[in-house]
Amino acid sequence: MKQTGTYALDFQGPALIGDRLTYLRGAQYADTVVALCFPPDARLISAEKIDWQAHRLQELGAALLIVCSSAYPLRRLWADQRNTLATPVLADLCGRIRRSFGVAVAEEAQRCHTFVIDRMGILRLRVNHDFI
């Protein structure tokens, strides 16, 4: 489990950005404050809510990355072209990213777990919260 004060941009995996499937590396976000969010159930959060939060963070000079452990939300977001999500959704189907940040699957149904990573890639803050 990553500890506060340690390097945290060493994650990587497939991601959906807009309508494009790509490979995303945490190191791509060097020199940017990152909010890495593990939502409780991405199926329950609308694309509009996610993009609204991402836009608010972008105004502050930060990036929002959503990590989802289920293939279902990715398929839903991919197939639903009406609500194309601009915010990157990182697939964590094997749970590697979740485990490296110490987010237990049992906690998944309760609250969001968000990790704030500074411009140097150092984990600075952990927050458990409701998405909105």
N, C-alpha and C. Protein backbone atom coordinates (compact mmCIF):
# COMPACT_ATOMS: atom_id res chain seq x y z
N MET A 1 0.84 -1.18 0.00
CA MET A 1 0.00 0.00 0.00
C MET A 1 0.88 1.24 0.00
N LYS A 2 0.55 2.17 -0.86
CA LYS A 2 1.32 3.41 -0.95
C LYS A 2 1.09 4.26 0.29
N GLN A 3 2.18 4.80 0.78
CA GLN A 3 2.13 5.65 1.96
C GLN A 3 2.20 7.12 1.54
N THR A 4 1.60 7.97 2.33
CA THR A 4 1.70 9.41 2.09
C THR A 4 3.18 9.78 2.10
N GLY A 5 3.59 10.57 1.12
CA GLY A 5 4.99 10.98 1.00
C GLY A 5 5.81 10.12 0.07
N THR A 6 5.20 9.09 -0.53
CA THR A 6 5.93 8.23 -1.47
C THR A 6 5.49 8.51 -2.90
N TYR A 7 6.32 8.08 -3.85
CA TYR A 7 6.02 8.28 -5.27
C TYR A 7 4.78 7.47 -5.64
N ALA A 8 3.85 8.06 -6.38
CA ALA A 8 2.58 7.40 -6.66
C ALA A 8 2.17 7.41 -8.13
N LEU A 9 2.99 7.93 -9.02
CA LEU A 9 2.61 7.95 -10.44
C LEU A 9 3.15 6.75 -11.21
N ASP A 10 3.35 5.63 -10.52
CA ASP A 10 3.90 4.45 -11.17
C ASP A 10 2.83 3.47 -11.65
N PHE A 11 1.57 3.90 -11.71
CA PHE A 11 0.50 3.04 -12.19
C PHE A 11 0.40 3.14 -13.71
N GLN A 12 -0.23 2.14 -14.32
CA GLN A 12 -0.43 2.12 -15.76
C GLN A 12 -1.52 1.12 -16.10
N GLY A 13 -2.13 1.30 -17.26
CA GLY A 13 -3.16 0.36 -17.71
C GLY A 13 -3.97 0.92 -18.84
N PRO A 14 -4.87 0.08 -19.37
CA PRO A 14 -5.76 0.55 -20.44
C PRO A 14 -6.72 1.59 -19.90
N ALA A 15 -7.07 2.55 -20.75
CA ALA A 15 -7.97 3.62 -20.32
C ALA A 15 -8.88 4.03 -21.46
N LEU A 16 -10.03 4.51 -21.08
CA LEU A 16 -10.98 5.06 -22.04
C LEU A 16 -10.97 6.57 -21.86
N ILE A 17 -10.61 7.29 -22.92
CA ILE A 17 -10.61 8.75 -22.90
C ILE A 17 -11.47 9.21 -24.06
N GLY A 18 -12.61 9.80 -23.72
CA GLY A 18 -13.58 10.13 -24.76
C GLY A 18 -14.10 8.85 -25.37
N ASP A 19 -13.99 8.71 -26.68
CA ASP A 19 -14.43 7.49 -27.34
C ASP A 19 -13.23 6.65 -27.80
N ARG A 20 -12.06 6.93 -27.21
CA ARG A 20 -10.83 6.28 -27.66
C ARG A 20 -10.26 5.41 -26.54
N LEU A 21 -9.98 4.15 -26.86
CA LEU A 21 -9.33 3.25 -25.93
C LEU A 21 -7.83 3.40 -26.12
N THR A 22 -7.10 3.63 -25.03
CA THR A 22 -5.67 3.89 -25.11
C THR A 22 -4.98 3.26 -23.91
N TYR A 23 -3.69 3.44 -23.81
CA TYR A 23 -2.91 2.95 -22.67
C TYR A 23 -2.42 4.18 -21.91
N LEU A 24 -2.67 4.22 -20.63
CA LEU A 24 -2.34 5.39 -19.83
C LEU A 24 -1.29 5.04 -18.78
N ARG A 25 -0.32 5.90 -18.64
CA ARG A 25 0.71 5.75 -17.61
C ARG A 25 0.62 6.94 -16.67
N GLY A 26 0.76 6.69 -15.38
CA GLY A 26 0.72 7.76 -14.40
C GLY A 26 1.78 8.81 -14.66
N ALA A 27 2.93 8.39 -15.16
CA ALA A 27 4.04 9.31 -15.44
C ALA A 27 3.66 10.38 -16.46
N GLN A 28 2.63 10.14 -17.26
CA GLN A 28 2.16 11.14 -18.23
C GLN A 28 1.65 12.39 -17.51
N TYR A 29 1.33 12.26 -16.24
CA TYR A 29 0.77 13.36 -15.47
C TYR A 29 1.79 14.04 -14.57
N ALA A 30 3.09 13.84 -14.86
CA ALA A 30 4.13 14.55 -14.13
C ALA A 30 3.92 16.05 -14.38
N ASP A 31 4.21 16.85 -13.41
CA ASP A 31 4.01 18.31 -13.45
C ASP A 31 2.53 18.70 -13.40
N THR A 32 1.65 17.78 -12.99
CA THR A 32 0.23 18.06 -12.82
C THR A 32 -0.23 17.48 -11.49
N VAL A 33 -1.06 18.21 -10.79
CA VAL A 33 -1.68 17.65 -9.59
C VAL A 33 -2.76 16.68 -10.07
N VAL A 34 -2.78 15.48 -9.49
CA VAL A 34 -3.70 14.44 -9.92
C VAL A 34 -4.59 14.02 -8.76
N ALA A 35 -5.88 13.92 -9.04
CA ALA A 35 -6.84 13.32 -8.10
C ALA A 35 -7.21 11.97 -8.69
N LEU A 36 -6.69 10.91 -8.09
CA LEU A 36 -6.94 9.54 -8.55
C LEU A 36 -8.11 9.01 -7.74
N CYS A 37 -9.25 8.80 -8.39
CA CYS A 37 -10.50 8.49 -7.69
C CYS A 37 -10.96 7.06 -7.99
N PHE A 38 -11.19 6.32 -6.92
CA PHE A 38 -11.76 4.97 -7.00
C PHE A 38 -13.22 5.10 -6.55
N PRO A 39 -14.17 5.24 -7.48
CA PRO A 39 -15.57 5.40 -7.08
C PRO A 39 -16.14 4.10 -6.54
N PRO A 40 -17.19 4.19 -5.73
CA PRO A 40 -17.78 2.98 -5.15
C PRO A 40 -18.39 2.07 -6.21
N ASP A 41 -19.08 2.64 -7.19
CA ASP A 41 -19.69 1.88 -8.27
C ASP A 41 -19.85 2.83 -9.45
N ALA A 42 -18.97 2.73 -10.41
CA ALA A 42 -18.97 3.67 -11.53
C ALA A 42 -20.26 3.62 -12.34
N ARG A 43 -21.03 2.54 -12.21
CA ARG A 43 -22.30 2.46 -12.95
C ARG A 43 -23.32 3.45 -12.42
N LEU A 44 -23.16 3.87 -11.16
CA LEU A 44 -24.14 4.76 -10.54
C LEU A 44 -23.81 6.23 -10.74
N ILE A 45 -22.65 6.52 -11.29
CA ILE A 45 -22.24 7.91 -11.47
C ILE A 45 -22.38 8.26 -12.94
N SER A 46 -23.09 9.33 -13.23
CA SER A 46 -23.30 9.70 -14.62
C SER A 46 -22.04 10.36 -15.20
N ALA A 47 -21.92 10.27 -16.51
CA ALA A 47 -20.80 10.90 -17.20
C ALA A 47 -20.79 12.40 -16.95
N GLU A 48 -21.98 13.00 -16.87
CA GLU A 48 -22.07 14.45 -16.63
C GLU A 48 -21.48 14.83 -15.27
N LYS A 49 -21.77 14.04 -14.23
CA LYS A 49 -21.24 14.32 -12.89
C LYS A 49 -19.72 14.20 -12.87
N ILE A 50 -19.22 13.15 -13.51
CA ILE A 50 -17.77 12.94 -13.54
C ILE A 50 -17.09 14.09 -14.27
N ASP A 51 -17.59 14.45 -15.45
CA ASP A 51 -16.98 15.53 -16.21
C ASP A 51 -17.11 16.87 -15.51
N TRP A 52 -18.22 17.08 -14.79
CA TRP A 52 -18.39 18.33 -14.04
C TRP A 52 -17.32 18.44 -12.95
N GLN A 53 -17.09 17.35 -12.22
CA GLN A 53 -16.04 17.36 -11.19
C GLN A 53 -14.66 17.55 -11.83
N ALA A 54 -14.43 16.88 -12.96
CA ALA A 54 -13.13 17.00 -13.65
C ALA A 54 -12.90 18.44 -14.10
N HIS A 55 -13.96 19.08 -14.60
CA HIS A 55 -13.84 20.47 -15.05
C HIS A 55 -13.51 21.40 -13.88
N ARG A 56 -14.15 21.17 -12.74
CA ARG A 56 -13.86 21.99 -11.55
C ARG A 56 -12.40 21.83 -11.12
N LEU A 57 -11.90 20.60 -11.16
CA LEU A 57 -10.50 20.38 -10.80
C LEU A 57 -9.56 20.98 -11.84
N GLN A 58 -9.93 20.90 -13.10
CA GLN A 58 -9.11 21.46 -14.17
C GLN A 58 -8.97 22.96 -14.01
N GLU A 59 -10.03 23.63 -13.55
CA GLU A 59 -9.95 25.07 -13.29
C GLU A 59 -8.92 25.40 -12.21
N LEU A 60 -8.67 24.43 -11.33
CA LEU A 60 -7.67 24.60 -10.27
C LEU A 60 -6.29 24.10 -10.68
N GLY A 61 -6.18 23.63 -11.91
CA GLY A 61 -4.89 23.15 -12.41
C GLY A 61 -4.60 21.70 -12.08
N ALA A 62 -5.64 20.92 -11.81
CA ALA A 62 -5.48 19.51 -11.46
C ALA A 62 -6.20 18.62 -12.47
N ALA A 63 -5.84 17.35 -12.48
CA ALA A 63 -6.48 16.38 -13.37
C ALA A 63 -7.20 15.32 -12.53
N LEU A 64 -8.37 14.91 -12.99
CA LEU A 64 -9.13 13.84 -12.34
C LEU A 64 -8.99 12.58 -13.18
N LEU A 65 -8.61 11.48 -12.54
CA LEU A 65 -8.56 10.18 -13.19
C LEU A 65 -9.47 9.25 -12.41
N ILE A 66 -10.38 8.58 -13.09
CA ILE A 66 -11.28 7.62 -12.47
C ILE A 66 -10.69 6.23 -12.69
N VAL A 67 -10.64 5.43 -11.63
CA VAL A 67 -10.16 4.05 -11.73
C VAL A 67 -11.35 3.14 -11.48
N CYS A 68 -11.64 2.27 -12.43
CA CYS A 68 -12.75 1.35 -12.22
C CYS A 68 -12.26 -0.09 -12.37
N SER A 69 -12.76 -0.93 -11.48
CA SER A 69 -12.32 -2.32 -11.41
C SER A 69 -13.22 -3.28 -12.15
N SER A 70 -14.22 -2.77 -12.81
CA SER A 70 -15.17 -3.63 -13.51
C SER A 70 -15.16 -3.28 -15.00
N ALA A 71 -15.30 -4.30 -15.83
CA ALA A 71 -15.35 -4.06 -17.27
C ALA A 71 -16.70 -3.47 -17.67
N TYR A 72 -17.75 -3.71 -16.88
CA TYR A 72 -19.08 -3.24 -17.27
C TYR A 72 -19.15 -1.73 -17.48
N PRO A 73 -18.65 -0.90 -16.53
CA PRO A 73 -18.74 0.54 -16.79
C PRO A 73 -17.98 0.97 -18.04
N LEU A 74 -16.85 0.33 -18.33
CA LEU A 74 -16.10 0.69 -19.53
C LEU A 74 -16.91 0.37 -20.78
N ARG A 75 -17.53 -0.80 -20.81
CA ARG A 75 -18.36 -1.16 -21.97
C ARG A 75 -19.53 -0.19 -22.10
N ARG A 76 -20.13 0.16 -20.96
CA ARG A 76 -21.27 1.07 -21.00
C ARG A 76 -20.85 2.44 -21.53
N LEU A 77 -19.72 2.95 -21.02
CA LEU A 77 -19.24 4.25 -21.48
C LEU A 77 -18.82 4.20 -22.94
N TRP A 78 -18.25 3.07 -23.38
CA TRP A 78 -17.82 2.93 -24.76
C TRP A 78 -19.03 2.89 -25.69
N ALA A 79 -20.06 2.15 -25.29
CA ALA A 79 -21.22 1.95 -26.15
C ALA A 79 -22.15 3.16 -26.17
N ASP A 80 -22.20 3.92 -25.09
CA ASP A 80 -23.14 5.04 -24.97
C ASP A 80 -22.49 6.30 -25.54
N GLN A 81 -22.61 6.49 -26.83
CA GLN A 81 -21.97 7.62 -27.49
C GLN A 81 -22.63 8.96 -27.18
N ARG A 82 -23.85 8.93 -26.61
CA ARG A 82 -24.51 10.18 -26.25
C ARG A 82 -23.78 10.88 -25.10
N ASN A 83 -23.24 10.08 -24.19
CA ASN A 83 -22.58 10.62 -23.00
C ASN A 83 -21.09 10.29 -23.01
N THR A 84 -20.40 10.68 -24.06
CA THR A 84 -18.98 10.41 -24.13
C THR A 84 -18.27 11.13 -23.01
N LEU A 85 -17.53 10.38 -22.24
CA LEU A 85 -16.85 10.91 -21.07
C LEU A 85 -15.50 11.47 -21.46
N ALA A 86 -15.25 12.73 -21.14
CA ALA A 86 -13.96 13.35 -21.46
C ALA A 86 -12.91 12.99 -20.41
N THR A 87 -13.33 12.68 -19.21
CA THR A 87 -12.42 12.33 -18.12
C THR A 87 -11.87 10.93 -18.34
N PRO A 88 -10.55 10.74 -18.21
CA PRO A 88 -9.98 9.40 -18.39
C PRO A 88 -10.51 8.41 -17.35
N VAL A 89 -10.90 7.23 -17.84
CA VAL A 89 -11.32 6.14 -16.97
C VAL A 89 -10.31 5.02 -17.15
N LEU A 90 -9.56 4.77 -16.10
CA LEU A 90 -8.49 3.78 -16.12
C LEU A 90 -9.06 2.43 -15.70
N ALA A 91 -8.86 1.41 -16.52
CA ALA A 91 -9.35 0.07 -16.21
C ALA A 91 -8.38 -0.63 -15.27
N ASP A 92 -8.92 -1.20 -14.23
CA ASP A 92 -8.12 -1.94 -13.25
C ASP A 92 -8.79 -3.29 -13.01
N LEU A 93 -8.92 -4.07 -14.07
CA LEU A 93 -9.69 -5.30 -14.02
C LEU A 93 -9.09 -6.34 -13.08
N CYS A 94 -7.79 -6.37 -12.92
CA CYS A 94 -7.15 -7.32 -12.01
C CYS A 94 -6.99 -6.75 -10.60
N GLY A 95 -7.30 -5.48 -10.42
CA GLY A 95 -7.22 -4.87 -9.10
C GLY A 95 -5.82 -4.47 -8.66
N ARG A 96 -4.86 -4.42 -9.57
CA ARG A 96 -3.48 -4.09 -9.20
C ARG A 96 -3.36 -2.66 -8.66
N ILE A 97 -3.99 -1.72 -9.34
CA ILE A 97 -3.90 -0.32 -8.90
C ILE A 97 -4.62 -0.16 -7.57
N ARG A 98 -5.79 -0.77 -7.47
CA ARG A 98 -6.57 -0.71 -6.23
C ARG A 98 -5.74 -1.25 -5.05
N ARG A 99 -5.12 -2.40 -5.24
CA ARG A 99 -4.30 -2.98 -4.17
C ARG A 99 -3.09 -2.12 -3.84
N SER A 100 -2.46 -1.54 -4.87
CA SER A 100 -1.26 -0.74 -4.60
C SER A 100 -1.56 0.52 -3.80
N PHE A 101 -2.82 0.99 -3.89
CA PHE A 101 -3.23 2.16 -3.11
C PHE A 101 -3.96 1.76 -1.83
N GLY A 102 -4.12 0.47 -1.60
CA GLY A 102 -4.73 -0.01 -0.37
C GLY A 102 -6.24 0.17 -0.29
N VAL A 103 -6.90 0.16 -1.45
CA VAL A 103 -8.36 0.27 -1.47
C VAL A 103 -8.93 -1.14 -1.52
N ALA A 104 -9.57 -1.56 -0.44
CA ALA A 104 -10.13 -2.91 -0.36
C ALA A 104 -11.40 -3.02 -1.18
N VAL A 105 -11.61 -4.17 -1.77
CA VAL A 105 -12.81 -4.41 -2.57
C VAL A 105 -14.04 -4.35 -1.67
N ALA A 106 -13.93 -4.80 -0.43
CA ALA A 106 -15.08 -4.79 0.48
C ALA A 106 -15.59 -3.37 0.73
N GLU A 107 -14.70 -2.40 0.63
CA GLU A 107 -15.09 -1.01 0.85
C GLU A 107 -15.71 -0.39 -0.39
N GLU A 108 -15.67 -1.12 -1.51
CA GLU A 108 -16.08 -0.56 -2.79
C GLU A 108 -17.50 -0.02 -2.79
N ALA A 109 -18.41 -0.68 -2.09
CA ALA A 109 -19.81 -0.28 -2.16
C ALA A 109 -20.15 0.93 -1.30
N GLN A 110 -19.20 1.42 -0.52
CA GLN A 110 -19.53 2.46 0.44
C GLN A 110 -19.21 3.87 -0.04
N ARG A 111 -17.96 4.19 -0.23
CA ARG A 111 -17.57 5.56 -0.52
C ARG A 111 -16.45 5.61 -1.54
N CYS A 112 -16.24 6.78 -2.12
CA CYS A 112 -15.10 7.00 -3.02
C CYS A 112 -13.82 7.07 -2.20
N HIS A 113 -12.76 6.63 -2.80
CA HIS A 113 -11.42 6.78 -2.23
C HIS A 113 -10.63 7.60 -3.24
N THR A 114 -10.19 8.77 -2.83
CA THR A 114 -9.44 9.64 -3.73
C THR A 114 -8.08 9.92 -3.14
N PHE A 115 -7.08 9.88 -4.01
CA PHE A 115 -5.69 10.12 -3.62
C PHE A 115 -5.20 11.33 -4.40
N VAL A 116 -4.67 12.31 -3.69
CA VAL A 116 -4.16 13.52 -4.32
C VAL A 116 -2.65 13.38 -4.44
N ILE A 117 -2.17 13.50 -5.67
CA ILE A 117 -0.76 13.34 -5.99
C ILE A 117 -0.25 14.68 -6.48
N ASP A 118 0.86 15.16 -5.91
CA ASP A 118 1.36 16.49 -6.28
C ASP A 118 2.11 16.48 -7.60
N ARG A 119 2.61 17.64 -8.01
CA ARG A 119 3.29 17.80 -9.31
C ARG A 119 4.58 16.99 -9.42
N MET A 120 5.14 16.60 -8.29
CA MET A 120 6.36 15.79 -8.29
C MET A 120 6.05 14.29 -8.31
N GLY A 121 4.75 13.95 -8.26
CA GLY A 121 4.36 12.54 -8.26
C GLY A 121 4.28 11.94 -6.87
N ILE A 122 4.29 12.77 -5.85
CA ILE A 122 4.27 12.30 -4.46
C ILE A 122 2.83 12.29 -3.93
N LEU A 123 2.44 11.18 -3.32
CA LEU A 123 1.13 11.07 -2.71
C LEU A 123 1.07 11.98 -1.49
N ARG A 124 0.11 12.92 -1.50
CA ARG A 124 0.02 13.91 -0.42
C ARG A 124 -1.21 13.75 0.46
N LEU A 125 -2.30 13.19 -0.08
CA LEU A 125 -3.55 13.18 0.68
C LEU A 125 -4.41 12.01 0.26
N ARG A 126 -5.07 11.38 1.24
CA ARG A 126 -6.07 10.34 1.01
C ARG A 126 -7.39 10.84 1.56
N VAL A 127 -8.44 10.68 0.80
CA VAL A 127 -9.75 11.15 1.25
C VAL A 127 -10.80 10.09 0.91
N ASN A 128 -11.66 9.79 1.87
CA ASN A 128 -12.84 8.93 1.64
C ASN A 128 -14.03 9.88 1.64
N HIS A 129 -14.87 9.80 0.61
CA HIS A 129 -15.94 10.77 0.45
C HIS A 129 -17.04 10.27 -0.45
N ASP A 130 -18.16 10.98 -0.47
CA ASP A 130 -19.20 10.75 -1.47
C ASP A 130 -18.73 11.43 -2.75
N PHE A 131 -19.12 10.91 -3.92
CA PHE A 131 -18.59 11.47 -5.16
C PHE A 131 -18.98 12.93 -5.34
N ILE A 132 -20.19 13.31 -5.00
CA ILE A 132 -20.58 14.69 -5.17
C ILE A 132 -20.59 15.40 -3.83
